[in-house]
Amino acid sequence: MSAAQESTRDPQLLDRLRDALGPDAQLVSVRRADARAVRGVAVCSGRILSFVLEAEHNRLRTQPLFELLQHGHARGQAQG
């Protein structure tokens, strides 16, 4: 199932992600491997994150996969 279909079918999932990540969060992919957890990938504010939403405790765990940096804010860049 596509992320767009999943967000339409289960708007609480998108709401839960937006509560944790901010109002600009969008689903990229969603996979329900079993009844205990929903896994997927989301994007928000220049970040790509993997997530796991555990059904039993309604616990959301995220892990950054990629983050875009604004020009001038890169680590180790000389300030001018």
C-alpha atoms as a PDB file:
ATOM      1  CA  MET A   1       0.000   0.000   0.000  1.00  0.00           C
ATOM      2  CA  SER A   2       1.314   3.427  -0.876  1.00  0.00           C
ATOM      3  CA  ALA A   3       1.973   6.050   1.772  1.00  0.00           C
ATOM      4  CA  ALA A   4      -0.789   8.265   0.343  1.00  0.00           C
ATOM      5  CA  GLN A   5      -3.285   5.395   0.589  1.00  0.00           C
ATOM      6  CA  GLU A   6      -2.122   4.616   4.115  1.00  0.00           C
ATOM      7  CA  SER A   7      -2.495   8.213   5.299  1.00  0.00           C
ATOM      8  CA  THR A   8      -6.040   8.249   3.900  1.00  0.00           C
ATOM      9  CA  ARG A   9      -6.887   4.863   5.417  1.00  0.00           C
ATOM     10  CA  ASP A  10      -5.287   5.583   8.793  1.00  0.00           C
ATOM     11  CA  PRO A  11      -5.181   9.363   9.370  1.00  0.00           C
ATOM     12  CA  GLN A  12      -4.218   8.753  13.021  1.00  0.00           C
ATOM     13  CA  LEU A  13      -0.831   7.509  11.828  1.00  0.00           C
ATOM     14  CA  LEU A  14      -0.114  10.751  10.000  1.00  0.00           C
ATOM     15  CA  ASP A  15      -1.456  12.766  12.953  1.00  0.00           C
ATOM     16  CA  ARG A  16       0.840  10.841  15.326  1.00  0.00           C
ATOM     17  CA  LEU A  17       3.846  11.527  13.092  1.00  0.00           C
ATOM     18  CA  ARG A  18       2.966  15.204  12.801  1.00  0.00           C
ATOM     19  CA  ASP A  19       2.606  15.476  16.593  1.00  0.00           C
ATOM     20  CA  ALA A  20       6.134  14.121  16.973  1.00  0.00           C
ATOM     21  CA  LEU A  21       7.870  15.602  13.922  1.00  0.00           C
ATOM     22  CA  GLY A  22       5.952  18.779  13.127  1.00  0.00           C
ATOM     23  CA  PRO A  23       3.071  19.789  10.863  1.00  0.00           C
ATOM     24  CA  ASP A  24       5.074  19.379   7.638  1.00  0.00           C
ATOM     25  CA  ALA A  25       5.722  15.640   8.146  1.00  0.00           C
ATOM     26  CA  GLN A  26       4.741  13.441   5.212  1.00  0.00           C
ATOM     27  CA  LEU A  27       4.653   9.669   4.823  1.00  0.00           C
ATOM     28  CA  VAL A  28       6.919   8.200   2.164  1.00  0.00           C
ATOM     29  CA  SER A  29       6.343   4.501   2.821  1.00  0.00           C
ATOM     30  CA  VAL A  30       4.416   2.408   5.315  1.00  0.00           C
ATOM     31  CA  ARG A  31       4.599  -1.300   6.092  1.00  0.00           C
ATOM     32  CA  ARG A  32       2.514  -3.246   8.556  1.00  0.00           C
ATOM     33  CA  ALA A  33       4.619  -6.322   9.141  1.00  0.00           C
ATOM     34  CA  ASP A  34       2.412  -7.553  11.966  1.00  0.00           C
ATOM     35  CA  ALA A  35      -0.263  -6.387  14.409  1.00  0.00           C
ATOM     36  CA  ARG A  36       2.324  -5.055  16.848  1.00  0.00           C
ATOM     37  CA  ALA A  37       4.060  -2.363  14.797  1.00  0.00           C
ATOM     38  CA  VAL A  38       3.885  -0.085  11.791  1.00  0.00           C
ATOM     39  CA  ARG A  39       7.200   0.708  10.098  1.00  0.00           C
ATOM     40  CA  GLY A  40       7.968   3.280   7.476  1.00  0.00           C
ATOM     41  CA  VAL A  41       9.808   6.297   6.204  1.00  0.00           C
ATOM     42  CA  ALA A  42       8.760   9.918   6.641  1.00  0.00           C
ATOM     43  CA  VAL A  43      10.114  13.292   5.563  1.00  0.00           C
ATOM     44  CA  CYS A  44       9.914  16.639   7.313  1.00  0.00           C
ATOM     45  CA  SER A  45      11.894  19.876   7.273  1.00  0.00           C
ATOM     46  CA  GLY A  46      14.772  18.559   5.171  1.00  0.00           C
ATOM     47  CA  ARG A  47      15.054  15.279   7.059  1.00  0.00           C
ATOM     48  CA  ILE A  48      14.360  11.699   6.029  1.00  0.00           C
ATOM     49  CA  LEU A  49      13.575   9.435   8.969  1.00  0.00           C
ATOM     50  CA  SER A  50      12.656   5.829   9.489  1.00  0.00           C
ATOM     51  CA  PHE A  51       9.980   5.212  12.097  1.00  0.00           C
ATOM     52  CA  VAL A  52       8.397   2.418  14.080  1.00  0.00           C
ATOM     53  CA  LEU A  53       5.037   2.940  15.776  1.00  0.00           C
ATOM     54  CA  GLU A  54       4.483   0.230  18.375  1.00  0.00           C
ATOM     55  CA  ALA A  55       0.766  -0.441  18.756  1.00  0.00           C
ATOM     56  CA  GLU A  56       0.814  -1.864  22.270  1.00  0.00           C
ATOM     57  CA  HIS A  57       2.309   1.240  23.902  1.00  0.00           C
ATOM     58  CA  ASN A  58       1.574   3.772  21.134  1.00  0.00           C
ATOM     59  CA  ARG A  59       5.322   4.475  21.190  1.00  0.00           C
ATOM     60  CA  LEU A  60       6.925   6.180  18.200  1.00  0.00           C
ATOM     61  CA  ARG A  61      10.625   5.628  17.590  1.00  0.00           C
ATOM     62  CA  THR A  62      12.437   7.527  14.857  1.00  0.00           C
ATOM     63  CA  GLN A  63      15.919   7.289  13.417  1.00  0.00           C
ATOM     64  CA  PRO A  64      17.388   9.895  11.077  1.00  0.00           C
ATOM     65  CA  LEU A  65      18.467   8.510   7.712  1.00  0.00           C
ATOM     66  CA  PHE A  66      19.433  11.739   5.950  1.00  0.00           C
ATOM     67  CA  GLU A  67      19.413  15.439   6.789  1.00  0.00           C
ATOM     68  CA  LEU A  68      19.857  18.368   4.436  1.00  0.00           C
ATOM     69  CA  LEU A  69      21.951  21.186   5.817  1.00  0.00           C
ATOM     70  CA  GLN A  70      21.455  24.805   4.903  1.00  0.00           C
ATOM     71  CA  HIS A  71      24.415  26.463   3.213  1.00  0.00           C
ATOM     72  CA  GLY A  72      26.586  28.056   5.873  1.00  0.00           C
ATOM     73  CA  HIS A  73      25.505  25.696   8.629  1.00  0.00           C
ATOM     74  CA  ALA A  74      27.675  22.736   7.728  1.00  0.00           C
ATOM     75  CA  ARG A  75      29.875  21.379  10.478  1.00  0.00           C
ATOM     76  CA  GLY A  76      33.420  22.652  10.387  1.00  0.00           C
ATOM     77  CA  GLN A  77      32.691  25.427   7.906  1.00  0.00           C
ATOM     78  CA  ALA A  78      34.609  28.609   8.611  1.00  0.00           C
ATOM     79  CA  GLN A  79      32.496  31.562   9.687  1.00  0.00           C
ATOM     80  CA  GLY A  80      33.074  34.657   7.607  1.00  0.00           C
END
